[in-house]
N, C-alpha and C. Protein backbone atom coordinates (compact mmCIF):
# COMPACT_ATOMS: atom_id res chain seq x y z
N MET A 1 14.14 -55.71 12.81
CA MET A 1 14.63 -55.13 11.58
C MET A 1 14.36 -53.63 11.59
N GLN A 2 15.30 -52.89 11.12
CA GLN A 2 15.11 -51.46 10.91
C GLN A 2 15.98 -51.05 9.73
N GLN A 3 15.34 -50.40 8.76
CA GLN A 3 16.07 -49.89 7.59
C GLN A 3 15.62 -48.46 7.36
N ILE A 4 16.58 -47.56 7.24
CA ILE A 4 16.26 -46.16 6.99
C ILE A 4 16.43 -45.88 5.51
N VAL A 5 15.38 -45.31 4.90
CA VAL A 5 15.39 -44.96 3.48
C VAL A 5 15.23 -43.45 3.38
N GLU A 6 16.24 -42.78 2.85
CA GLU A 6 16.17 -41.33 2.69
C GLU A 6 15.20 -40.98 1.55
N LYS A 7 14.39 -39.98 1.77
CA LYS A 7 13.41 -39.49 0.79
C LYS A 7 13.61 -37.99 0.64
N PRO A 8 13.16 -37.38 -0.45
CA PRO A 8 13.34 -35.94 -0.61
C PRO A 8 12.56 -35.12 0.43
N TRP A 9 11.53 -35.69 1.00
CA TRP A 9 10.71 -35.00 2.00
C TRP A 9 11.13 -35.33 3.43
N GLY A 10 12.07 -36.27 3.61
CA GLY A 10 12.51 -36.70 4.94
C GLY A 10 13.07 -38.10 4.87
N GLN A 11 12.46 -39.04 5.63
CA GLN A 11 12.91 -40.42 5.57
C GLN A 11 11.82 -41.37 6.01
N GLU A 12 11.98 -42.63 5.58
CA GLU A 12 11.13 -43.73 6.03
C GLU A 12 12.00 -44.64 6.89
N ILE A 13 11.46 -45.08 8.00
CA ILE A 13 12.10 -46.10 8.80
C ILE A 13 11.25 -47.36 8.66
N LEU A 14 11.77 -48.34 7.93
CA LEU A 14 11.04 -49.58 7.72
C LEU A 14 11.22 -50.46 8.95
N LEU A 15 10.12 -50.94 9.51
CA LEU A 15 10.15 -51.71 10.75
C LEU A 15 9.88 -53.19 10.54
N SER A 16 9.33 -53.57 9.40
CA SER A 16 8.93 -54.96 9.18
C SER A 16 9.78 -55.62 8.10
N GLU A 17 9.85 -56.94 8.18
CA GLU A 17 10.57 -57.72 7.18
C GLU A 17 9.80 -57.68 5.86
N PRO A 18 10.49 -57.61 4.71
CA PRO A 18 9.80 -57.46 3.42
C PRO A 18 8.92 -58.65 3.03
N GLU A 19 9.16 -59.85 3.56
CA GLU A 19 8.36 -61.01 3.15
C GLU A 19 7.08 -61.18 3.97
N LEU A 20 6.85 -60.35 4.96
CA LEU A 20 5.65 -60.45 5.78
C LEU A 20 4.41 -59.98 5.01
N PRO A 21 3.21 -60.39 5.45
CA PRO A 21 1.99 -59.99 4.74
C PRO A 21 1.51 -58.57 5.10
N TYR A 22 2.37 -57.79 5.71
CA TYR A 22 2.07 -56.40 6.05
C TYR A 22 3.37 -55.61 6.03
N THR A 23 3.24 -54.29 6.00
CA THR A 23 4.40 -53.40 6.08
C THR A 23 4.15 -52.41 7.21
N ALA A 24 5.19 -52.16 8.00
CA ALA A 24 5.11 -51.16 9.07
C ALA A 24 6.28 -50.21 8.90
N LYS A 25 5.99 -48.91 8.94
CA LYS A 25 7.06 -47.93 8.79
C LYS A 25 6.70 -46.63 9.51
N ILE A 26 7.73 -45.84 9.79
CA ILE A 26 7.54 -44.51 10.34
C ILE A 26 8.05 -43.52 9.29
N LEU A 27 7.20 -42.57 8.92
CA LEU A 27 7.57 -41.52 7.98
C LEU A 27 7.97 -40.30 8.80
N SER A 28 9.15 -39.77 8.57
CA SER A 28 9.59 -38.53 9.22
C SER A 28 9.63 -37.45 8.16
N LEU A 29 8.77 -36.45 8.31
CA LEU A 29 8.67 -35.38 7.32
C LEU A 29 9.25 -34.08 7.86
N GLN A 30 9.92 -33.36 6.97
CA GLN A 30 10.45 -32.04 7.30
C GLN A 30 9.32 -31.01 7.16
N PRO A 31 9.40 -29.89 7.88
CA PRO A 31 8.34 -28.88 7.80
C PRO A 31 8.09 -28.42 6.36
N GLN A 32 6.82 -28.30 6.00
CA GLN A 32 6.34 -27.86 4.69
C GLN A 32 6.58 -28.88 3.58
N ALA A 33 7.18 -30.01 3.87
CA ALA A 33 7.43 -31.04 2.84
C ALA A 33 6.14 -31.79 2.54
N ARG A 34 6.01 -32.20 1.28
CA ARG A 34 4.81 -32.93 0.85
C ARG A 34 5.21 -34.21 0.14
N LEU A 35 4.42 -35.24 0.34
CA LEU A 35 4.55 -36.43 -0.47
C LEU A 35 3.78 -36.18 -1.76
N SER A 36 3.90 -37.08 -2.69
CA SER A 36 3.18 -36.97 -3.96
C SER A 36 1.67 -36.97 -3.72
N LEU A 37 0.95 -36.34 -4.64
CA LEU A 37 -0.48 -36.61 -4.75
C LEU A 37 -0.51 -37.91 -5.53
N GLN A 38 -0.97 -38.98 -4.90
CA GLN A 38 -0.79 -40.31 -5.44
C GLN A 38 -1.97 -41.21 -5.13
N TYR A 39 -1.97 -42.37 -5.79
CA TYR A 39 -2.85 -43.46 -5.40
C TYR A 39 -2.15 -44.77 -5.70
N HIS A 40 -2.62 -45.82 -5.04
CA HIS A 40 -2.06 -47.15 -5.22
C HIS A 40 -3.12 -48.04 -5.88
N ASP A 41 -2.69 -48.92 -6.76
CA ASP A 41 -3.65 -49.82 -7.38
C ASP A 41 -3.93 -51.05 -6.51
N GLN A 42 -3.04 -51.38 -5.55
CA GLN A 42 -3.23 -52.57 -4.72
C GLN A 42 -3.14 -52.30 -3.22
N LYS A 43 -2.35 -51.35 -2.84
CA LYS A 43 -2.01 -51.15 -1.43
C LYS A 43 -3.10 -50.42 -0.65
N THR A 44 -3.39 -50.93 0.55
CA THR A 44 -4.22 -50.25 1.53
C THR A 44 -3.31 -49.85 2.67
N GLU A 45 -3.47 -48.62 3.17
CA GLU A 45 -2.62 -48.16 4.26
C GLU A 45 -3.43 -47.41 5.29
N THR A 46 -2.97 -47.50 6.54
CA THR A 46 -3.53 -46.71 7.62
C THR A 46 -2.42 -45.83 8.16
N LEU A 47 -2.69 -44.53 8.22
CA LEU A 47 -1.71 -43.53 8.65
C LEU A 47 -2.12 -42.97 10.01
N THR A 48 -1.16 -42.84 10.92
CA THR A 48 -1.42 -42.31 12.25
C THR A 48 -0.34 -41.29 12.60
N LEU A 49 -0.74 -40.08 12.94
CA LEU A 49 0.20 -39.04 13.36
C LEU A 49 0.72 -39.36 14.75
N ILE A 50 2.04 -39.48 14.86
CA ILE A 50 2.68 -39.77 16.15
C ILE A 50 2.98 -38.46 16.87
N ASN A 51 3.61 -37.52 16.15
CA ASN A 51 3.92 -36.22 16.76
C ASN A 51 4.04 -35.17 15.67
N GLY A 52 4.02 -33.90 16.09
CA GLY A 52 4.07 -32.80 15.13
C GLY A 52 2.69 -32.51 14.57
N GLN A 53 2.68 -31.76 13.46
CA GLN A 53 1.42 -31.40 12.80
C GLN A 53 1.53 -31.74 11.32
N ALA A 54 0.46 -32.33 10.79
CA ALA A 54 0.43 -32.70 9.37
C ALA A 54 -1.00 -32.62 8.85
N ASN A 55 -1.10 -32.40 7.55
CA ASN A 55 -2.38 -32.41 6.86
C ASN A 55 -2.44 -33.61 5.93
N LEU A 56 -3.62 -34.17 5.81
CA LEU A 56 -3.86 -35.28 4.89
C LEU A 56 -4.92 -34.83 3.90
N THR A 57 -4.57 -34.89 2.62
CA THR A 57 -5.52 -34.59 1.54
C THR A 57 -5.90 -35.91 0.91
N PHE A 58 -7.20 -36.11 0.66
CA PHE A 58 -7.65 -37.39 0.08
C PHE A 58 -8.99 -37.20 -0.63
N GLY A 59 -9.29 -38.14 -1.51
CA GLY A 59 -10.56 -38.13 -2.20
C GLY A 59 -10.55 -39.08 -3.38
N PRO A 60 -11.73 -39.31 -3.97
CA PRO A 60 -11.83 -40.26 -5.07
C PRO A 60 -11.23 -39.77 -6.38
N ASP A 61 -11.16 -38.43 -6.54
CA ASP A 61 -10.54 -37.86 -7.74
C ASP A 61 -10.11 -36.43 -7.44
N GLN A 62 -9.42 -35.79 -8.40
CA GLN A 62 -8.86 -34.46 -8.14
C GLN A 62 -9.91 -33.38 -7.95
N ASN A 63 -11.14 -33.62 -8.38
CA ASN A 63 -12.21 -32.64 -8.22
C ASN A 63 -12.93 -32.77 -6.87
N GLN A 64 -12.64 -33.84 -6.12
CA GLN A 64 -13.34 -34.09 -4.87
C GLN A 64 -12.37 -34.28 -3.70
N LEU A 65 -11.25 -33.58 -3.73
CA LEU A 65 -10.27 -33.71 -2.66
C LEU A 65 -10.68 -32.89 -1.45
N GLN A 66 -10.41 -33.43 -0.28
CA GLN A 66 -10.60 -32.68 0.97
C GLN A 66 -9.33 -32.79 1.79
N THR A 67 -9.05 -31.79 2.59
CA THR A 67 -7.86 -31.76 3.43
C THR A 67 -8.29 -31.66 4.89
N VAL A 68 -7.67 -32.51 5.72
CA VAL A 68 -7.94 -32.49 7.15
C VAL A 68 -6.63 -32.34 7.90
N SER A 69 -6.68 -31.67 9.03
CA SER A 69 -5.54 -31.65 9.95
C SER A 69 -5.56 -32.97 10.70
N MET A 70 -4.47 -33.72 10.62
CA MET A 70 -4.44 -35.02 11.27
C MET A 70 -4.47 -34.86 12.79
N VAL A 71 -5.22 -35.72 13.44
CA VAL A 71 -5.33 -35.75 14.89
C VAL A 71 -4.41 -36.85 15.40
N PRO A 72 -3.53 -36.55 16.36
CA PRO A 72 -2.61 -37.58 16.86
C PRO A 72 -3.34 -38.83 17.36
N GLN A 73 -2.71 -39.97 17.16
CA GLN A 73 -3.22 -41.28 17.57
C GLN A 73 -4.58 -41.62 16.97
N THR A 74 -4.87 -41.09 15.79
CA THR A 74 -6.09 -41.40 15.05
C THR A 74 -5.69 -42.05 13.74
N GLY A 75 -6.35 -43.15 13.39
CA GLY A 75 -6.03 -43.85 12.16
C GLY A 75 -6.83 -43.30 10.98
N TYR A 76 -6.14 -43.09 9.86
CA TYR A 76 -6.76 -42.64 8.61
C TYR A 76 -6.45 -43.72 7.57
N THR A 77 -7.47 -44.44 7.14
CA THR A 77 -7.26 -45.56 6.21
C THR A 77 -7.48 -45.10 4.78
N ILE A 78 -6.50 -45.42 3.93
CA ILE A 78 -6.53 -45.08 2.52
C ILE A 78 -6.59 -46.39 1.73
N LYS A 79 -7.68 -46.61 1.02
CA LYS A 79 -7.85 -47.84 0.25
C LYS A 79 -7.33 -47.64 -1.18
N PRO A 80 -7.11 -48.74 -1.91
CA PRO A 80 -6.64 -48.61 -3.30
C PRO A 80 -7.52 -47.67 -4.11
N THR A 81 -6.90 -46.95 -5.00
CA THR A 81 -7.47 -45.98 -5.95
C THR A 81 -7.87 -44.64 -5.32
N ILE A 82 -7.77 -44.50 -4.00
CA ILE A 82 -8.08 -43.21 -3.36
C ILE A 82 -6.86 -42.31 -3.46
N LEU A 83 -7.03 -41.13 -4.03
CA LEU A 83 -5.93 -40.17 -4.10
C LEU A 83 -5.62 -39.67 -2.69
N HIS A 84 -4.34 -39.43 -2.43
CA HIS A 84 -3.95 -38.93 -1.11
C HIS A 84 -2.59 -38.27 -1.17
N ARG A 85 -2.38 -37.40 -0.18
CA ARG A 85 -1.10 -36.69 -0.04
C ARG A 85 -0.95 -36.28 1.42
N LEU A 86 0.26 -36.47 1.95
CA LEU A 86 0.60 -35.97 3.28
C LEU A 86 1.41 -34.69 3.13
N GLU A 87 1.17 -33.74 4.01
CA GLU A 87 1.95 -32.51 4.03
C GLU A 87 2.28 -32.15 5.48
N ALA A 88 3.55 -31.96 5.76
CA ALA A 88 3.98 -31.60 7.11
C ALA A 88 3.77 -30.11 7.33
N VAL A 89 3.18 -29.78 8.45
CA VAL A 89 3.08 -28.38 8.88
C VAL A 89 4.33 -28.06 9.69
N THR A 90 4.72 -28.98 10.56
CA THR A 90 5.95 -28.91 11.36
C THR A 90 6.70 -30.22 11.14
N ASP A 91 7.88 -30.34 11.73
CA ASP A 91 8.51 -31.65 11.76
C ASP A 91 7.48 -32.62 12.33
N CYS A 92 7.34 -33.77 11.71
CA CYS A 92 6.35 -34.71 12.22
C CYS A 92 6.76 -36.14 11.89
N GLN A 93 6.17 -37.05 12.63
CA GLN A 93 6.33 -38.47 12.36
C GLN A 93 4.96 -39.10 12.24
N ILE A 94 4.84 -39.96 11.24
CA ILE A 94 3.58 -40.64 10.95
C ILE A 94 3.86 -42.13 10.86
N PHE A 95 3.09 -42.92 11.59
CA PHE A 95 3.20 -44.37 11.51
C PHE A 95 2.31 -44.86 10.37
N GLU A 96 2.86 -45.72 9.53
CA GLU A 96 2.09 -46.31 8.43
C GLU A 96 2.07 -47.82 8.58
N ALA A 97 0.87 -48.39 8.64
CA ALA A 97 0.67 -49.84 8.58
C ALA A 97 -0.06 -50.10 7.28
N SER A 98 0.44 -51.07 6.50
CA SER A 98 -0.17 -51.28 5.19
C SER A 98 -0.05 -52.73 4.74
N THR A 99 -0.77 -53.01 3.68
CA THR A 99 -0.56 -54.27 2.99
C THR A 99 0.82 -54.19 2.35
N PRO A 100 1.35 -55.30 1.85
CA PRO A 100 2.71 -55.26 1.29
C PRO A 100 2.88 -54.22 0.18
N GLU A 101 4.11 -53.80 0.00
CA GLU A 101 4.47 -52.82 -1.04
C GLU A 101 4.45 -53.53 -2.40
N LYS A 102 3.25 -53.74 -2.93
CA LYS A 102 3.08 -54.38 -4.23
C LYS A 102 2.22 -53.50 -5.11
N GLY A 103 2.32 -53.73 -6.42
CA GLY A 103 1.53 -52.93 -7.36
C GLY A 103 2.24 -51.64 -7.71
N THR A 104 1.46 -50.68 -8.18
CA THR A 104 2.02 -49.41 -8.65
C THR A 104 1.50 -48.26 -7.81
N THR A 105 2.42 -47.34 -7.48
CA THR A 105 2.06 -46.06 -6.90
C THR A 105 2.03 -45.07 -8.07
N PHE A 106 0.86 -44.55 -8.36
CA PHE A 106 0.69 -43.59 -9.45
C PHE A 106 0.80 -42.18 -8.87
N ARG A 107 1.79 -41.43 -9.34
CA ARG A 107 2.01 -40.06 -8.86
C ARG A 107 1.40 -39.07 -9.85
N LEU A 108 0.38 -38.34 -9.41
CA LEU A 108 -0.28 -37.36 -10.27
C LEU A 108 0.42 -36.01 -10.18
N GLU A 109 0.96 -35.68 -9.01
CA GLU A 109 1.75 -34.46 -8.79
C GLU A 109 2.88 -34.84 -7.86
N ASP A 110 4.08 -34.35 -8.14
CA ASP A 110 5.22 -34.64 -7.28
C ASP A 110 6.16 -33.45 -7.28
N ASP A 111 6.40 -32.88 -6.11
CA ASP A 111 7.26 -31.71 -5.98
C ASP A 111 8.71 -32.00 -6.36
N TYR A 112 9.06 -33.26 -6.46
CA TYR A 112 10.46 -33.65 -6.68
C TYR A 112 10.68 -34.29 -8.05
N GLY A 113 9.66 -34.26 -8.91
CA GLY A 113 9.81 -34.76 -10.28
C GLY A 113 9.89 -36.27 -10.41
N ARG A 114 9.43 -36.99 -9.40
CA ARG A 114 9.49 -38.46 -9.46
C ARG A 114 8.33 -39.01 -10.28
N SER A 115 8.58 -40.12 -10.95
CA SER A 115 7.55 -40.77 -11.75
C SER A 115 6.90 -41.89 -10.93
N ASN A 116 5.99 -42.62 -11.56
CA ASN A 116 5.30 -43.73 -10.90
C ASN A 116 6.32 -44.73 -10.36
N GLU A 117 5.92 -45.43 -9.32
CA GLU A 117 6.79 -46.42 -8.69
C GLU A 117 6.13 -47.79 -8.77
N ILE A 118 6.83 -48.76 -9.34
CA ILE A 118 6.30 -50.11 -9.50
C ILE A 118 7.01 -51.04 -8.51
N ASN A 119 6.21 -51.73 -7.70
CA ASN A 119 6.74 -52.70 -6.73
C ASN A 119 6.24 -54.09 -7.11
N LYS A 120 7.11 -55.06 -7.02
CA LYS A 120 6.73 -56.44 -7.36
C LYS A 120 6.53 -57.26 -6.13
């Protein structure tokens, strides 16, 4: 299975069937594009930089955020309620393995004006 979903920051390539107990996708980000500063109430995800350069910002709340330059082929696990944001420095691809797309993605900041996303 492969499904391409266009996003304002680039695209997602969904690799796994929606009924499986996990989700696998590749995020392709355009240079300087950012995902929302967000957290999930249920989803756990592991992000791995495949190519290019990207920064990952994360922390328990907005007063304790830290930003790291992602190292290729290194897994960064984001558990529920942890704030996080990806930002592309160059064109980049990031592999995401996660629990199913369930619960709510709460967007605290979004460059594209998007609101929270609810998945059933």
